Amino acid sequence: MQVQVARIGKPHGIRGEVTVQVMTDAPEERFVPGTAFVVEPARLGPLTVESARWNKDILLLGFAEVVDRNGAEELRGAKLFVDTEDVDDDEDAWYEHELVGLRVLVDGQEVGKVAALNTLPAQDLLVVTAANGDEVLVPFVEQIVPEVDVAAGFIRVTPPAGLFELNSAESQSTPDDGEGER
């Protein structure tokens, strides 16, 4: 299966480099010279990394197939993919497609299903659709999500008190301004 690891942004300079929106937690391993990516749309690829460098917090990539700014401009918006079978990941790494649809268990009881995975700079968040239809964001950290069993179809969550009640309709009542009725 192919997994998106980046989206190409605007050109940078005149030698064909592009900015990249990174969608992987290990860019230093994914974007090394010699790495070939499957590209969407397919007419633009495959692309082979020739150079990778950081400019502040933006990753800049140069590709062997792109030699100037005009070629880089054609890549704007293209998506870069890797084949998951070709990647050696550790056992505690999951892709979004593996997590979506898993049952979410708290104390052995199903409280919802994983709807998505939001990958953010600070930490990843599981988007869980609770049994009552509310959306709950669960930090995807070992202390809160100690067990992921893709084969059995569930994740075990030990949420802090109130996490699943935070977005419920009952908790969305009008805030008390402390003045009461007059």
N, C-alpha and C. Protein backbone atom coordinates (compact mmCIF):
# COMPACT_ATOMS: atom_id res chain seq x y z
N MET A 1 0.84 -1.18 0.00
CA MET A 1 0.00 0.00 0.00
C MET A 1 0.88 1.24 0.00
N GLN A 2 0.43 2.26 -0.68
CA GLN A 2 1.18 3.50 -0.73
C GLN A 2 0.65 4.49 0.29
N VAL A 3 1.58 5.21 0.94
CA VAL A 3 1.24 6.18 1.96
C VAL A 3 1.86 7.52 1.58
N GLN A 4 1.05 8.57 1.68
CA GLN A 4 1.55 9.90 1.34
C GLN A 4 2.48 10.38 2.45
N VAL A 5 3.67 10.87 2.05
CA VAL A 5 4.64 11.38 3.02
C VAL A 5 4.90 12.87 2.86
N ALA A 6 4.42 13.47 1.75
CA ALA A 6 4.64 14.90 1.55
C ALA A 6 3.76 15.43 0.43
N ARG A 7 3.61 16.76 0.45
CA ARG A 7 2.96 17.48 -0.64
C ARG A 7 3.91 18.59 -1.05
N ILE A 8 4.14 18.73 -2.33
CA ILE A 8 5.07 19.73 -2.83
C ILE A 8 4.40 21.09 -2.87
N GLY A 9 5.13 22.09 -2.40
CA GLY A 9 4.64 23.46 -2.40
C GLY A 9 5.25 24.26 -3.53
N LYS A 10 5.60 25.49 -3.23
CA LYS A 10 6.11 26.40 -4.26
C LYS A 10 7.60 26.18 -4.53
N PRO A 11 8.06 26.63 -5.69
CA PRO A 11 9.48 26.55 -6.00
C PRO A 11 10.29 27.43 -5.05
N HIS A 12 11.56 27.08 -4.89
CA HIS A 12 12.48 27.86 -4.06
C HIS A 12 13.76 28.08 -4.86
N GLY A 13 13.99 29.31 -5.26
CA GLY A 13 15.18 29.61 -6.03
C GLY A 13 15.03 29.24 -7.50
N ILE A 14 16.17 29.22 -8.21
CA ILE A 14 16.13 29.00 -9.66
C ILE A 14 16.68 27.63 -10.08
N ARG A 15 17.14 26.84 -9.13
CA ARG A 15 17.78 25.56 -9.47
C ARG A 15 16.86 24.34 -9.33
N GLY A 16 15.55 24.58 -9.21
CA GLY A 16 14.61 23.46 -9.20
C GLY A 16 14.21 22.94 -7.84
N GLU A 17 14.67 23.57 -6.76
CA GLU A 17 14.25 23.12 -5.43
C GLU A 17 12.79 23.52 -5.19
N VAL A 18 12.13 22.74 -4.33
CA VAL A 18 10.74 23.01 -3.96
C VAL A 18 10.59 22.94 -2.45
N THR A 19 9.60 23.68 -1.94
CA THR A 19 9.23 23.53 -0.53
C THR A 19 8.34 22.31 -0.42
N VAL A 20 8.34 21.70 0.76
CA VAL A 20 7.59 20.47 0.95
C VAL A 20 6.83 20.52 2.27
N GLN A 21 5.55 20.18 2.22
CA GLN A 21 4.76 20.00 3.42
C GLN A 21 4.97 18.56 3.85
N VAL A 22 5.66 18.35 4.96
CA VAL A 22 6.03 17.02 5.44
C VAL A 22 4.84 16.36 6.13
N MET A 23 4.58 15.10 5.81
CA MET A 23 3.49 14.33 6.41
C MET A 23 4.01 13.03 6.99
N THR A 24 5.22 13.06 7.51
CA THR A 24 5.81 11.89 8.13
C THR A 24 6.51 12.34 9.40
N ASP A 25 6.64 11.45 10.34
CA ASP A 25 7.30 11.80 11.60
C ASP A 25 8.80 11.56 11.55
N ALA A 26 9.32 11.10 10.42
CA ALA A 26 10.75 10.84 10.29
C ALA A 26 11.28 11.39 8.97
N PRO A 27 11.23 12.71 8.78
CA PRO A 27 11.68 13.26 7.50
C PRO A 27 13.16 13.02 7.21
N GLU A 28 13.98 12.96 8.26
CA GLU A 28 15.41 12.73 8.06
C GLU A 28 15.69 11.34 7.52
N GLU A 29 14.75 10.41 7.67
CA GLU A 29 14.90 9.06 7.13
C GLU A 29 14.21 8.91 5.77
N ARG A 30 13.14 9.65 5.54
CA ARG A 30 12.35 9.52 4.32
C ARG A 30 12.93 10.30 3.14
N PHE A 31 13.56 11.45 3.41
CA PHE A 31 13.98 12.35 2.33
C PHE A 31 15.50 12.40 2.21
N VAL A 32 16.11 11.25 1.96
CA VAL A 32 17.55 11.18 1.79
C VAL A 32 17.86 11.06 0.29
N PRO A 33 18.99 11.61 -0.14
CA PRO A 33 19.35 11.50 -1.55
C PRO A 33 19.32 10.04 -2.03
N GLY A 34 18.74 9.87 -3.21
CA GLY A 34 18.60 8.53 -3.79
C GLY A 34 17.23 7.92 -3.59
N THR A 35 16.44 8.48 -2.68
CA THR A 35 15.09 7.95 -2.44
C THR A 35 14.18 8.31 -3.61
N ALA A 36 13.48 7.32 -4.12
CA ALA A 36 12.53 7.53 -5.22
C ALA A 36 11.11 7.51 -4.67
N PHE A 37 10.30 8.46 -5.15
CA PHE A 37 8.92 8.57 -4.72
C PHE A 37 7.96 8.34 -5.87
N VAL A 38 6.85 7.71 -5.57
CA VAL A 38 5.74 7.64 -6.49
C VAL A 38 5.04 8.99 -6.38
N VAL A 39 4.63 9.55 -7.51
CA VAL A 39 4.06 10.89 -7.52
C VAL A 39 2.63 10.86 -8.03
N GLU A 40 1.80 11.68 -7.44
CA GLU A 40 0.44 11.88 -7.93
C GLU A 40 0.29 13.35 -8.24
N PRO A 41 -0.01 13.75 -9.44
CA PRO A 41 -0.36 12.94 -10.59
C PRO A 41 0.84 12.18 -11.17
N ALA A 42 0.56 11.00 -11.69
CA ALA A 42 1.61 10.08 -12.15
C ALA A 42 2.46 10.65 -13.28
N ARG A 43 1.91 11.55 -14.08
CA ARG A 43 2.66 12.12 -15.21
C ARG A 43 3.89 12.89 -14.74
N LEU A 44 3.96 13.27 -13.45
CA LEU A 44 5.07 14.05 -12.91
C LEU A 44 6.19 13.19 -12.32
N GLY A 45 5.99 11.90 -12.26
CA GLY A 45 6.98 11.09 -11.57
C GLY A 45 7.40 9.88 -12.35
N PRO A 46 8.18 9.05 -11.69
CA PRO A 46 8.66 9.13 -10.31
C PRO A 46 9.72 10.23 -10.15
N LEU A 47 9.94 10.63 -8.89
CA LEU A 47 10.94 11.63 -8.57
C LEU A 47 11.97 11.04 -7.62
N THR A 48 13.24 11.37 -7.86
CA THR A 48 14.33 10.88 -7.04
C THR A 48 14.99 12.05 -6.31
N VAL A 49 15.07 11.95 -4.99
CA VAL A 49 15.66 13.03 -4.20
C VAL A 49 17.15 13.15 -4.52
N GLU A 50 17.55 14.37 -4.86
CA GLU A 50 18.96 14.66 -5.11
C GLU A 50 19.56 15.44 -3.94
N SER A 51 18.73 16.32 -3.33
CA SER A 51 19.19 17.08 -2.17
C SER A 51 18.02 17.35 -1.24
N ALA A 52 18.33 17.44 0.04
CA ALA A 52 17.33 17.76 1.06
C ALA A 52 17.99 18.63 2.10
N ARG A 53 17.35 19.75 2.40
CA ARG A 53 17.89 20.64 3.43
C ARG A 53 16.76 21.42 4.06
N TRP A 54 17.01 21.88 5.26
CA TRP A 54 16.03 22.67 6.00
C TRP A 54 16.37 24.14 5.87
N ASN A 55 15.38 24.96 5.60
CA ASN A 55 15.50 26.41 5.62
C ASN A 55 14.53 26.88 6.69
N LYS A 56 15.08 27.15 7.88
CA LYS A 56 14.28 27.40 9.08
C LYS A 56 13.48 26.13 9.35
N ASP A 57 12.15 26.19 9.32
CA ASP A 57 11.37 24.98 9.59
C ASP A 57 10.69 24.44 8.33
N ILE A 58 11.22 24.81 7.15
CA ILE A 58 10.66 24.35 5.88
C ILE A 58 11.67 23.43 5.20
N LEU A 59 11.20 22.24 4.80
CA LEU A 59 12.05 21.31 4.09
C LEU A 59 12.10 21.69 2.61
N LEU A 60 13.32 21.76 2.08
CA LEU A 60 13.53 22.03 0.66
C LEU A 60 14.11 20.78 0.02
N LEU A 61 13.50 20.34 -1.08
CA LEU A 61 13.97 19.16 -1.79
C LEU A 61 14.36 19.54 -3.21
N GLY A 62 15.45 18.92 -3.68
CA GLY A 62 15.84 18.99 -5.06
C GLY A 62 15.73 17.59 -5.64
N PHE A 63 15.20 17.48 -6.85
CA PHE A 63 15.02 16.18 -7.49
C PHE A 63 15.91 16.06 -8.71
N ALA A 64 16.42 14.88 -8.96
CA ALA A 64 17.30 14.64 -10.11
C ALA A 64 16.60 14.98 -11.42
N GLU A 65 15.29 14.81 -11.46
CA GLU A 65 14.53 15.01 -12.70
C GLU A 65 14.15 16.48 -12.94
N VAL A 66 14.42 17.36 -11.98
CA VAL A 66 14.02 18.77 -12.09
C VAL A 66 15.27 19.64 -12.00
N VAL A 67 15.51 20.44 -13.04
CA VAL A 67 16.75 21.20 -13.09
C VAL A 67 16.57 22.71 -12.97
N ASP A 68 15.32 23.20 -13.10
CA ASP A 68 15.13 24.65 -13.04
C ASP A 68 13.79 25.00 -12.38
N ARG A 69 13.58 26.31 -12.22
CA ARG A 69 12.38 26.80 -11.56
C ARG A 69 11.11 26.42 -12.33
N ASN A 70 11.17 26.42 -13.66
CA ASN A 70 9.99 26.06 -14.45
C ASN A 70 9.56 24.61 -14.17
N GLY A 71 10.52 23.72 -14.09
CA GLY A 71 10.22 22.33 -13.76
C GLY A 71 9.67 22.19 -12.36
N ALA A 72 10.22 22.99 -11.44
CA ALA A 72 9.74 22.97 -10.05
C ALA A 72 8.31 23.48 -9.95
N GLU A 73 7.99 24.50 -10.75
CA GLU A 73 6.64 25.07 -10.74
C GLU A 73 5.61 24.03 -11.17
N GLU A 74 5.97 23.16 -12.10
CA GLU A 74 5.04 22.12 -12.57
C GLU A 74 4.71 21.12 -11.46
N LEU A 75 5.59 21.00 -10.46
CA LEU A 75 5.37 20.04 -9.37
C LEU A 75 4.44 20.56 -8.28
N ARG A 76 4.13 21.86 -8.29
CA ARG A 76 3.33 22.45 -7.22
C ARG A 76 2.04 21.66 -7.00
N GLY A 77 1.80 21.26 -5.75
CA GLY A 77 0.59 20.52 -5.40
C GLY A 77 0.71 19.00 -5.55
N ALA A 78 1.79 18.53 -6.13
CA ALA A 78 1.95 17.08 -6.31
C ALA A 78 2.14 16.40 -4.97
N LYS A 79 1.72 15.17 -4.88
CA LYS A 79 1.83 14.39 -3.66
C LYS A 79 2.91 13.32 -3.83
N LEU A 80 3.71 13.14 -2.77
CA LEU A 80 4.78 12.14 -2.79
C LEU A 80 4.36 10.95 -1.92
N PHE A 81 4.54 9.76 -2.46
CA PHE A 81 4.14 8.53 -1.77
C PHE A 81 5.30 7.56 -1.65
N VAL A 82 5.28 6.75 -0.58
CA VAL A 82 6.19 5.61 -0.44
C VAL A 82 5.34 4.36 -0.35
N ASP A 83 5.92 3.26 -0.73
CA ASP A 83 5.25 1.97 -0.64
C ASP A 83 5.54 1.40 0.74
N THR A 84 4.53 1.11 1.55
CA THR A 84 4.73 0.66 2.92
C THR A 84 5.46 -0.67 3.00
N GLU A 85 5.37 -1.50 1.95
CA GLU A 85 6.07 -2.77 1.97
C GLU A 85 7.59 -2.57 1.87
N ASP A 86 8.02 -1.44 1.29
CA ASP A 86 9.44 -1.15 1.12
C ASP A 86 10.05 -0.47 2.34
N VAL A 87 9.24 -0.12 3.33
CA VAL A 87 9.72 0.67 4.46
C VAL A 87 9.83 -0.20 5.70
N ASP A 88 10.98 -0.14 6.37
CA ASP A 88 11.17 -0.86 7.63
C ASP A 88 10.78 0.07 8.77
N ASP A 89 9.62 -0.18 9.38
CA ASP A 89 9.18 0.64 10.50
C ASP A 89 9.29 -0.15 11.79
N ASP A 90 9.33 0.58 12.91
CA ASP A 90 9.35 -0.12 14.18
C ASP A 90 7.94 -0.65 14.48
N GLU A 91 7.87 -1.53 15.44
CA GLU A 91 6.59 -2.19 15.72
C GLU A 91 5.54 -1.27 16.33
N ASP A 92 5.94 -0.11 16.85
CA ASP A 92 4.99 0.83 17.43
C ASP A 92 4.64 1.97 16.49
N ALA A 93 4.72 1.73 15.18
CA ALA A 93 4.37 2.74 14.20
C ALA A 93 3.18 2.25 13.39
N TRP A 94 2.20 3.14 13.21
CA TRP A 94 1.00 2.79 12.46
C TRP A 94 0.71 3.87 11.46
N TYR A 95 0.10 3.46 10.37
CA TYR A 95 -0.37 4.39 9.36
C TYR A 95 -1.86 4.64 9.60
N GLU A 96 -2.32 5.79 9.13
CA GLU A 96 -3.72 6.15 9.34
C GLU A 96 -4.66 5.08 8.81
N HIS A 97 -4.37 4.53 7.63
CA HIS A 97 -5.28 3.53 7.05
C HIS A 97 -5.39 2.28 7.92
N GLU A 98 -4.39 2.02 8.77
CA GLU A 98 -4.45 0.86 9.67
C GLU A 98 -5.33 1.16 10.89
N LEU A 99 -5.43 2.43 11.27
CA LEU A 99 -6.15 2.80 12.49
C LEU A 99 -7.62 3.12 12.27
N VAL A 100 -7.94 3.70 11.12
CA VAL A 100 -9.32 4.11 10.85
C VAL A 100 -10.24 2.89 10.89
N GLY A 101 -11.32 3.01 11.66
CA GLY A 101 -12.30 1.94 11.79
C GLY A 101 -12.09 1.05 13.00
N LEU A 102 -10.93 1.17 13.68
CA LEU A 102 -10.70 0.35 14.88
C LEU A 102 -11.65 0.77 16.00
N ARG A 103 -12.12 -0.21 16.75
CA ARG A 103 -12.96 0.07 17.91
C ARG A 103 -12.10 0.68 19.01
N VAL A 104 -12.65 1.65 19.72
CA VAL A 104 -11.95 2.29 20.83
C VAL A 104 -12.55 1.75 22.12
N LEU A 105 -11.70 1.11 22.94
CA LEU A 105 -12.17 0.49 24.18
C LEU A 105 -11.63 1.25 25.40
N VAL A 106 -12.53 1.52 26.33
CA VAL A 106 -12.16 2.09 27.63
C VAL A 106 -12.70 1.13 28.68
N ASP A 107 -11.82 0.58 29.51
CA ASP A 107 -12.20 -0.41 30.52
C ASP A 107 -12.99 -1.57 29.91
N GLY A 108 -12.60 -1.98 28.71
CA GLY A 108 -13.24 -3.12 28.04
C GLY A 108 -14.53 -2.80 27.32
N GLN A 109 -15.03 -1.57 27.45
CA GLN A 109 -16.28 -1.18 26.81
C GLN A 109 -15.99 -0.33 25.57
N GLU A 110 -16.70 -0.61 24.48
CA GLU A 110 -16.51 0.18 23.27
C GLU A 110 -17.15 1.55 23.45
N VAL A 111 -16.37 2.61 23.21
CA VAL A 111 -16.87 3.98 23.35
C VAL A 111 -16.92 4.71 22.01
N GLY A 112 -16.41 4.09 20.96
CA GLY A 112 -16.44 4.72 19.65
C GLY A 112 -15.52 4.01 18.68
N LYS A 113 -15.27 4.69 17.54
CA LYS A 113 -14.38 4.15 16.51
C LYS A 113 -13.44 5.25 16.04
N VAL A 114 -12.26 4.84 15.62
CA VAL A 114 -11.28 5.79 15.10
C VAL A 114 -11.76 6.25 13.72
N ALA A 115 -11.87 7.59 13.54
CA ALA A 115 -12.31 8.15 12.27
C ALA A 115 -11.15 8.68 11.44
N ALA A 116 -10.08 9.13 12.13
CA ALA A 116 -8.93 9.70 11.40
C ALA A 116 -7.75 9.82 12.35
N LEU A 117 -6.61 10.17 11.79
CA LEU A 117 -5.41 10.46 12.56
C LEU A 117 -4.91 11.82 12.12
N ASN A 118 -4.84 12.77 13.05
CA ASN A 118 -4.30 14.10 12.75
C ASN A 118 -2.84 14.11 13.17
N THR A 119 -1.95 14.29 12.20
CA THR A 119 -0.52 14.33 12.48
C THR A 119 -0.12 15.78 12.65
N LEU A 120 0.29 16.14 13.86
CA LEU A 120 0.64 17.52 14.18
C LEU A 120 2.08 17.58 14.66
N PRO A 121 2.69 18.76 14.64
CA PRO A 121 4.09 18.87 15.07
C PRO A 121 4.33 18.44 16.51
N ALA A 122 3.44 18.81 17.42
CA ALA A 122 3.65 18.47 18.83
C ALA A 122 3.36 17.01 19.13
N GLN A 123 2.22 16.52 18.67
CA GLN A 123 1.85 15.13 18.87
C GLN A 123 0.70 14.79 17.94
N ASP A 124 0.51 13.51 17.71
CA ASP A 124 -0.58 13.06 16.86
C ASP A 124 -1.85 12.95 17.70
N LEU A 125 -2.99 13.16 17.04
CA LEU A 125 -4.29 13.03 17.70
C LEU A 125 -5.15 12.04 16.94
N LEU A 126 -5.77 11.13 17.68
CA LEU A 126 -6.76 10.23 17.08
C LEU A 126 -8.09 10.97 17.08
N VAL A 127 -8.78 10.98 15.96
CA VAL A 127 -10.12 11.54 15.88
C VAL A 127 -11.06 10.35 16.06
N VAL A 128 -11.79 10.37 17.18
CA VAL A 128 -12.67 9.26 17.52
C VAL A 128 -14.12 9.72 17.41
N THR A 129 -14.92 8.96 16.70
CA THR A 129 -16.35 9.21 16.68
C THR A 129 -16.94 8.39 17.81
N ALA A 130 -17.39 9.10 18.86
CA ALA A 130 -17.94 8.43 20.04
C ALA A 130 -19.27 7.78 19.71
N ALA A 131 -19.70 6.89 20.58
CA ALA A 131 -20.95 6.15 20.37
C ALA A 131 -22.14 7.10 20.22
N ASN A 132 -22.09 8.27 20.87
CA ASN A 132 -23.21 9.22 20.78
C ASN A 132 -23.09 10.14 19.56
N GLY A 133 -22.06 9.91 18.71
CA GLY A 133 -21.89 10.69 17.49
C GLY A 133 -20.96 11.87 17.62
N ASP A 134 -20.54 12.22 18.84
CA ASP A 134 -19.62 13.33 19.05
C ASP A 134 -18.22 12.97 18.57
N GLU A 135 -17.46 13.98 18.17
CA GLU A 135 -16.07 13.79 17.77
C GLU A 135 -15.19 14.12 18.97
N VAL A 136 -14.28 13.21 19.29
CA VAL A 136 -13.37 13.38 20.42
C VAL A 136 -11.94 13.27 19.91
N LEU A 137 -11.09 14.21 20.31
CA LEU A 137 -9.68 14.17 19.94
C LEU A 137 -8.90 13.55 21.08
N VAL A 138 -8.22 12.45 20.79
CA VAL A 138 -7.49 11.70 21.80
C VAL A 138 -6.00 11.78 21.49
N PRO A 139 -5.19 12.34 22.41
CA PRO A 139 -3.74 12.37 22.16
C PRO A 139 -3.21 10.95 21.95
N PHE A 140 -2.50 10.76 20.84
CA PHE A 140 -1.98 9.44 20.49
C PHE A 140 -0.61 9.26 21.12
N VAL A 141 -0.61 9.12 22.45
CA VAL A 141 0.60 8.91 23.23
C VAL A 141 0.44 7.64 24.05
N GLU A 142 1.54 7.01 24.40
CA GLU A 142 1.49 5.71 25.07
C GLU A 142 0.74 5.75 26.40
N GLN A 143 0.82 6.85 27.13
CA GLN A 143 0.14 6.94 28.42
C GLN A 143 -1.38 6.89 28.27
N ILE A 144 -1.90 7.38 27.15
CA ILE A 144 -3.35 7.40 26.94
C ILE A 144 -3.81 6.27 26.03
N VAL A 145 -2.95 5.87 25.08
CA VAL A 145 -3.27 4.77 24.17
C VAL A 145 -2.19 3.69 24.35
N PRO A 146 -2.34 2.87 25.41
CA PRO A 146 -1.29 1.89 25.70
C PRO A 146 -1.29 0.66 24.80
N GLU A 147 -2.39 0.41 24.09
CA GLU A 147 -2.45 -0.81 23.27
C GLU A 147 -3.16 -0.55 21.95
N VAL A 148 -2.52 -0.95 20.87
CA VAL A 148 -3.12 -0.92 19.54
C VAL A 148 -3.00 -2.33 18.99
N ASP A 149 -4.14 -2.94 18.69
CA ASP A 149 -4.16 -4.29 18.14
C ASP A 149 -4.93 -4.26 16.83
N VAL A 150 -4.20 -4.01 15.75
CA VAL A 150 -4.83 -3.88 14.44
C VAL A 150 -5.47 -5.20 14.04
N ALA A 151 -4.80 -6.32 14.30
CA ALA A 151 -5.33 -7.63 13.92
C ALA A 151 -6.66 -7.93 14.61
N ALA A 152 -6.79 -7.55 15.89
CA ALA A 152 -8.02 -7.79 16.63
C ALA A 152 -9.05 -6.67 16.42
N GLY A 153 -8.62 -5.56 15.79
CA GLY A 153 -9.56 -4.50 15.45
C GLY A 153 -9.90 -3.53 16.56
N PHE A 154 -8.96 -3.29 17.50
CA PHE A 154 -9.28 -2.34 18.57
C PHE A 154 -8.04 -1.60 19.04
N ILE A 155 -8.29 -0.49 19.73
CA ILE A 155 -7.26 0.19 20.51
C ILE A 155 -7.82 0.35 21.92
N ARG A 156 -6.93 0.21 22.89
CA ARG A 156 -7.33 0.39 24.29
C ARG A 156 -6.88 1.78 24.71
N VAL A 157 -7.80 2.53 25.31
CA VAL A 157 -7.54 3.91 25.71
C VAL A 157 -7.75 4.04 27.21
N THR A 158 -6.84 4.74 27.86
CA THR A 158 -6.99 5.08 29.28
C THR A 158 -7.04 6.61 29.37
N PRO A 159 -8.22 7.18 29.05
CA PRO A 159 -8.33 8.64 28.95
C PRO A 159 -8.33 9.32 30.31
N PRO A 160 -7.87 10.57 30.34
CA PRO A 160 -8.01 11.33 31.58
C PRO A 160 -9.49 11.60 31.82
N ALA A 161 -9.85 11.83 33.05
CA ALA A 161 -11.25 12.06 33.42
C ALA A 161 -11.86 13.17 32.57
N GLY A 162 -13.02 12.90 32.00
CA GLY A 162 -13.76 13.91 31.27
C GLY A 162 -13.43 14.02 29.79
N LEU A 163 -12.43 13.29 29.29
CA LEU A 163 -12.03 13.44 27.89
C LEU A 163 -13.18 13.14 26.93
N PHE A 164 -13.92 12.06 27.17
CA PHE A 164 -15.00 11.71 26.26
C PHE A 164 -16.27 12.51 26.54
N GLU A 165 -16.35 13.16 27.68
CA GLU A 165 -17.52 13.99 28.00
C GLU A 165 -17.31 15.43 27.57
N LEU A 166 -16.09 15.82 27.27
CA LEU A 166 -15.74 17.21 26.97
C LEU A 166 -16.56 17.80 25.84
N ASN A 167 -16.80 17.02 24.78
CA ASN A 167 -17.53 17.54 23.62
C ASN A 167 -19.00 17.15 23.60
N SER A 168 -19.48 16.52 24.66
CA SER A 168 -20.87 16.07 24.65
C SER A 168 -21.83 17.24 24.70
N ALA A 169 -23.04 17.03 24.22
CA ALA A 169 -24.05 18.08 24.17
C ALA A 169 -24.37 18.61 25.57
N GLU A 170 -24.33 17.73 26.56
CA GLU A 170 -24.64 18.15 27.93
C GLU A 170 -23.61 19.14 28.46
N SER A 171 -22.36 19.00 28.02
CA SER A 171 -21.31 19.89 28.52
C SER A 171 -21.27 21.20 27.76
N GLN A 172 -22.08 21.34 26.71
CA GLN A 172 -22.09 22.54 25.89
C GLN A 172 -23.15 23.54 26.35
N SER A 173 -23.57 23.49 27.59
CA SER A 173 -24.58 24.39 28.09
C SER A 173 -24.05 25.81 28.16
N THR A 174 -24.95 26.77 28.35
CA THR A 174 -24.57 28.17 28.41
C THR A 174 -23.68 28.42 29.60
N PRO A 175 -22.54 29.10 29.40
CA PRO A 175 -21.63 29.35 30.52
C PRO A 175 -22.27 30.30 31.55
N ASP A 176 -21.93 30.07 32.80
CA ASP A 176 -22.44 30.90 33.88
C ASP A 176 -21.53 32.11 34.03
N ASP A 177 -22.11 33.31 33.91
CA ASP A 177 -21.31 34.51 34.02
C ASP A 177 -21.16 34.98 35.46
N GLY A 178 -21.74 34.22 36.39
CA GLY A 178 -21.61 34.53 37.80
C GLY A 178 -22.61 35.56 38.31
N GLU A 179 -23.42 36.11 37.39
CA GLU A 179 -24.37 37.14 37.84
C GLU A 179 -25.74 36.57 38.13
N GLY A 180 -26.04 35.38 37.61
CA GLY A 180 -27.35 34.76 37.87
C GLY A 180 -28.47 35.55 37.23
N GLU A 181 -29.73 35.11 37.50
CA GLU A 181 -30.89 35.81 36.94
C GLU A 181 -31.23 37.01 37.77
N ARG A 182 -31.84 38.02 37.14
CA ARG A 182 -32.25 39.22 37.86
C ARG A 182 -33.73 39.40 37.77
